[in-house]
């Protein structure tokens, strides 16, 4: 089980990522990349907008469903007949 303070620190880093950004895990967790990966996996279970590369050295942030929905609603609401 991951300590709360470690989980919170990891999630803060992931929350601050902008859509389209790539996070190199070695830069944020050079001593314990496996722990950071485990935290990120828990984050993904909740938010589902992060994707690992094949060797789990990088994380890419995609649009979340909510962000896509918000953009869609802006287009539809602002569209005039």
N, C-alpha and C. Protein backbone atom coordinates (compact mmCIF):
# COMPACT_ATOMS: atom_id res chain seq x y z
N UNK A 1 0.83 -1.17 0.00
CA UNK A 1 0.00 0.00 0.00
C UNK A 1 0.89 1.25 0.00
N UNK A 2 0.52 2.22 -0.81
CA UNK A 2 1.30 3.44 -0.95
C UNK A 2 0.87 4.44 0.13
N UNK A 3 1.87 5.06 0.76
CA UNK A 3 1.58 6.07 1.79
C UNK A 3 0.80 7.22 1.18
N UNK A 4 -0.11 7.79 1.95
CA UNK A 4 -0.94 8.89 1.47
C UNK A 4 -0.12 10.08 0.98
N UNK A 5 0.92 10.46 1.72
CA UNK A 5 1.69 11.64 1.34
C UNK A 5 2.42 11.43 0.01
N UNK A 6 2.84 10.21 -0.26
CA UNK A 6 3.50 9.90 -1.53
C UNK A 6 2.47 9.93 -2.67
N UNK A 7 1.33 9.34 -2.40
CA UNK A 7 0.25 9.32 -3.39
C UNK A 7 -0.20 10.75 -3.73
N UNK A 8 -0.37 11.56 -2.73
CA UNK A 8 -0.81 12.95 -2.94
C UNK A 8 0.24 13.72 -3.75
N UNK A 9 1.51 13.55 -3.43
CA UNK A 9 2.58 14.24 -4.16
C UNK A 9 2.59 13.83 -5.63
N UNK A 10 2.43 12.55 -5.88
CA UNK A 10 2.40 12.04 -7.25
C UNK A 10 1.20 12.59 -8.00
N UNK A 11 0.04 12.55 -7.38
CA UNK A 11 -1.18 13.02 -8.03
C UNK A 11 -1.11 14.52 -8.33
N UNK A 12 -0.45 15.29 -7.47
CA UNK A 12 -0.30 16.72 -7.73
C UNK A 12 0.49 16.95 -9.01
N UNK A 13 1.54 16.18 -9.19
CA UNK A 13 2.34 16.28 -10.42
C UNK A 13 1.48 15.93 -11.63
N UNK A 14 0.72 14.86 -11.53
CA UNK A 14 -0.12 14.42 -12.65
C UNK A 14 -1.26 15.39 -12.92
N UNK A 15 -1.83 15.98 -11.88
CA UNK A 15 -2.89 16.97 -12.04
C UNK A 15 -2.41 18.21 -12.78
N UNK A 16 -1.16 18.59 -12.55
CA UNK A 16 -0.61 19.79 -13.16
C UNK A 16 -0.25 19.61 -14.64
N UNK A 17 -0.21 18.37 -15.09
CA UNK A 17 0.11 18.13 -16.50
C UNK A 17 -0.95 18.75 -17.39
N UNK A 18 -0.52 19.35 -18.47
CA UNK A 18 -1.44 19.89 -19.47
C UNK A 18 -1.70 18.83 -20.53
N UNK A 19 -2.86 18.91 -21.16
CA UNK A 19 -3.20 17.98 -22.24
C UNK A 19 -2.13 18.08 -23.33
N UNK A 20 -1.68 16.93 -23.78
CA UNK A 20 -0.65 16.86 -24.82
C UNK A 20 0.76 16.80 -24.28
N UNK A 21 0.93 17.03 -22.98
CA UNK A 21 2.26 16.97 -22.37
C UNK A 21 2.70 15.54 -22.14
N UNK A 22 4.01 15.37 -22.16
CA UNK A 22 4.62 14.08 -21.85
C UNK A 22 5.48 14.27 -20.61
N UNK A 23 5.30 13.41 -19.65
CA UNK A 23 6.08 13.43 -18.42
C UNK A 23 7.06 12.27 -18.46
N UNK A 24 8.34 12.58 -18.30
CA UNK A 24 9.37 11.55 -18.25
C UNK A 24 9.52 11.14 -16.78
N UNK A 25 9.17 9.92 -16.49
CA UNK A 25 9.11 9.46 -15.10
C UNK A 25 10.46 9.59 -14.40
N UNK A 26 11.53 9.34 -15.09
CA UNK A 26 12.87 9.42 -14.50
C UNK A 26 13.18 10.83 -13.97
N UNK A 27 12.56 11.86 -14.55
CA UNK A 27 12.80 13.23 -14.09
C UNK A 27 12.10 13.52 -12.76
N UNK A 28 10.98 12.87 -12.52
CA UNK A 28 10.22 13.12 -11.30
C UNK A 28 10.48 12.10 -10.21
N UNK A 29 10.93 10.95 -10.57
CA UNK A 29 11.18 9.90 -9.57
C UNK A 29 12.43 9.11 -9.94
N UNK A 30 13.59 9.77 -9.93
CA UNK A 30 14.82 9.07 -10.36
C UNK A 30 15.20 7.90 -9.46
N UNK A 31 14.83 7.98 -8.18
CA UNK A 31 15.21 6.92 -7.25
C UNK A 31 14.17 5.82 -7.10
N UNK A 32 12.90 6.16 -7.37
CA UNK A 32 11.83 5.18 -7.20
C UNK A 32 10.80 5.28 -8.33
N UNK A 33 11.23 5.01 -9.55
CA UNK A 33 10.28 5.12 -10.67
C UNK A 33 9.12 4.13 -10.55
N UNK A 34 9.36 2.96 -9.98
CA UNK A 34 8.28 1.96 -9.84
C UNK A 34 7.18 2.46 -8.92
N UNK A 35 7.55 3.18 -7.89
CA UNK A 35 6.56 3.74 -6.96
C UNK A 35 5.73 4.81 -7.68
N UNK A 36 6.39 5.66 -8.46
CA UNK A 36 5.67 6.69 -9.21
C UNK A 36 4.72 6.04 -10.22
N UNK A 37 5.16 4.98 -10.86
CA UNK A 37 4.32 4.26 -11.83
C UNK A 37 3.09 3.68 -11.13
N UNK A 38 3.28 3.09 -9.96
CA UNK A 38 2.14 2.54 -9.20
C UNK A 38 1.14 3.63 -8.83
N UNK A 39 1.66 4.80 -8.42
CA UNK A 39 0.77 5.93 -8.10
C UNK A 39 0.01 6.38 -9.35
N UNK A 40 0.71 6.46 -10.46
CA UNK A 40 0.09 6.88 -11.72
C UNK A 40 -0.98 5.88 -12.17
N UNK A 41 -0.75 4.62 -11.94
CA UNK A 41 -1.76 3.60 -12.30
C UNK A 41 -3.04 3.82 -11.49
N UNK A 42 -2.91 4.19 -10.23
CA UNK A 42 -4.10 4.48 -9.42
C UNK A 42 -4.79 5.73 -9.94
N UNK A 43 -4.03 6.73 -10.33
CA UNK A 43 -4.58 7.96 -10.89
C UNK A 43 -5.37 7.64 -12.16
N UNK A 44 -4.81 6.78 -13.00
CA UNK A 44 -5.45 6.40 -14.26
C UNK A 44 -6.78 5.69 -14.01
N UNK A 45 -6.86 4.89 -12.96
CA UNK A 45 -8.12 4.21 -12.64
C UNK A 45 -9.24 5.21 -12.37
N UNK A 46 -8.88 6.38 -11.83
CA UNK A 46 -9.87 7.41 -11.50
C UNK A 46 -10.15 8.32 -12.68
N UNK A 47 -9.10 8.85 -13.31
CA UNK A 47 -9.27 9.88 -14.32
C UNK A 47 -9.21 9.39 -15.76
N UNK A 48 -8.53 8.31 -16.01
CA UNK A 48 -8.49 7.65 -17.32
C UNK A 48 -7.99 8.53 -18.47
N UNK A 49 -7.24 9.60 -18.19
CA UNK A 49 -6.77 10.44 -19.27
C UNK A 49 -5.25 10.47 -19.40
N UNK A 50 -4.60 9.49 -18.82
CA UNK A 50 -3.16 9.34 -18.97
C UNK A 50 -2.85 8.02 -19.65
N UNK A 51 -1.79 8.01 -20.43
CA UNK A 51 -1.38 6.80 -21.13
C UNK A 51 0.12 6.63 -20.96
N UNK A 52 0.54 5.42 -20.59
CA UNK A 52 1.98 5.11 -20.52
C UNK A 52 2.49 4.74 -21.91
N UNK A 53 3.80 4.98 -22.14
CA UNK A 53 4.40 4.44 -23.35
C UNK A 53 4.67 2.95 -23.09
N UNK A 54 5.21 2.25 -24.07
CA UNK A 54 5.35 0.78 -23.97
C UNK A 54 6.26 0.32 -22.84
N UNK A 55 7.30 1.09 -22.54
CA UNK A 55 8.23 0.65 -21.50
C UNK A 55 8.06 1.38 -20.17
N UNK A 56 6.93 2.07 -20.01
CA UNK A 56 6.57 2.74 -18.75
C UNK A 56 7.62 3.76 -18.30
N UNK A 57 8.22 4.46 -19.25
CA UNK A 57 9.19 5.50 -18.89
C UNK A 57 8.59 6.90 -19.08
N UNK A 58 7.46 6.97 -19.77
CA UNK A 58 6.80 8.25 -20.02
C UNK A 58 5.29 8.11 -19.88
N UNK A 59 4.67 9.23 -19.53
CA UNK A 59 3.21 9.28 -19.43
C UNK A 59 2.74 10.44 -20.31
N UNK A 60 1.70 10.20 -21.08
CA UNK A 60 1.12 11.20 -21.96
C UNK A 60 -0.27 11.55 -21.45
N UNK A 61 -0.60 12.84 -21.42
CA UNK A 61 -1.93 13.25 -20.95
C UNK A 61 -2.82 13.54 -22.15
N UNK A 62 -3.94 12.85 -22.20
CA UNK A 62 -4.95 13.04 -23.24
C UNK A 62 -6.08 13.90 -22.69
N UNK A 63 -7.01 14.25 -23.56
CA UNK A 63 -8.22 14.92 -23.09
C UNK A 63 -9.03 13.94 -22.27
N UNK A 64 -9.61 14.42 -21.19
CA UNK A 64 -10.54 13.59 -20.43
C UNK A 64 -11.91 13.67 -21.09
N UNK A 65 -12.77 12.76 -20.76
CA UNK A 65 -14.12 12.78 -21.31
C UNK A 65 -14.81 14.10 -20.97
N UNK A 66 -14.61 14.57 -19.75
CA UNK A 66 -15.24 15.81 -19.30
C UNK A 66 -14.75 16.99 -20.14
N UNK A 67 -13.46 17.03 -20.44
CA UNK A 67 -12.92 18.12 -21.26
C UNK A 67 -13.49 18.09 -22.68
N UNK A 68 -13.60 16.90 -23.24
CA UNK A 68 -14.18 16.76 -24.58
C UNK A 68 -15.65 17.18 -24.56
N UNK A 69 -16.37 16.74 -23.53
CA UNK A 69 -17.77 17.09 -23.40
C UNK A 69 -17.94 18.61 -23.27
N UNK A 70 -17.09 19.26 -22.48
CA UNK A 70 -17.16 20.71 -22.32
C UNK A 70 -16.91 21.43 -23.64
N UNK A 71 -15.92 20.98 -24.39
CA UNK A 71 -15.63 21.59 -25.69
C UNK A 71 -16.81 21.40 -26.65
N UNK A 72 -17.37 20.22 -26.65
CA UNK A 72 -18.53 19.93 -27.51
C UNK A 72 -19.70 20.84 -27.16
N UNK A 73 -19.97 20.99 -25.87
CA UNK A 73 -21.07 21.84 -25.42
C UNK A 73 -20.84 23.30 -25.79
N UNK A 74 -19.60 23.78 -25.72
CA UNK A 74 -19.30 25.15 -26.11
C UNK A 74 -19.59 25.37 -27.59
N UNK A 75 -19.23 24.39 -28.39
CA UNK A 75 -19.46 24.50 -29.84
C UNK A 75 -20.95 24.50 -30.13
N UNK A 76 -21.67 23.58 -29.54
CA UNK A 76 -23.11 23.46 -29.78
C UNK A 76 -23.87 24.69 -29.25
N UNK A 77 -23.52 25.13 -28.05
CA UNK A 77 -24.23 26.26 -27.44
C UNK A 77 -23.94 27.55 -28.20
N UNK A 78 -22.70 27.74 -28.65
CA UNK A 78 -22.31 28.97 -29.34
C UNK A 78 -22.67 28.96 -30.82
N UNK A 79 -23.11 27.83 -31.32
CA UNK A 79 -23.44 27.71 -32.73
C UNK A 79 -24.82 28.36 -32.97
N UNK A 80 -24.85 29.23 -33.96
CA UNK A 80 -26.10 29.90 -34.30
C UNK A 80 -26.67 29.31 -35.58
N UNK A 81 -28.01 29.13 -35.62
CA UNK A 81 -28.62 28.52 -36.82
C UNK A 81 -28.52 29.38 -38.05
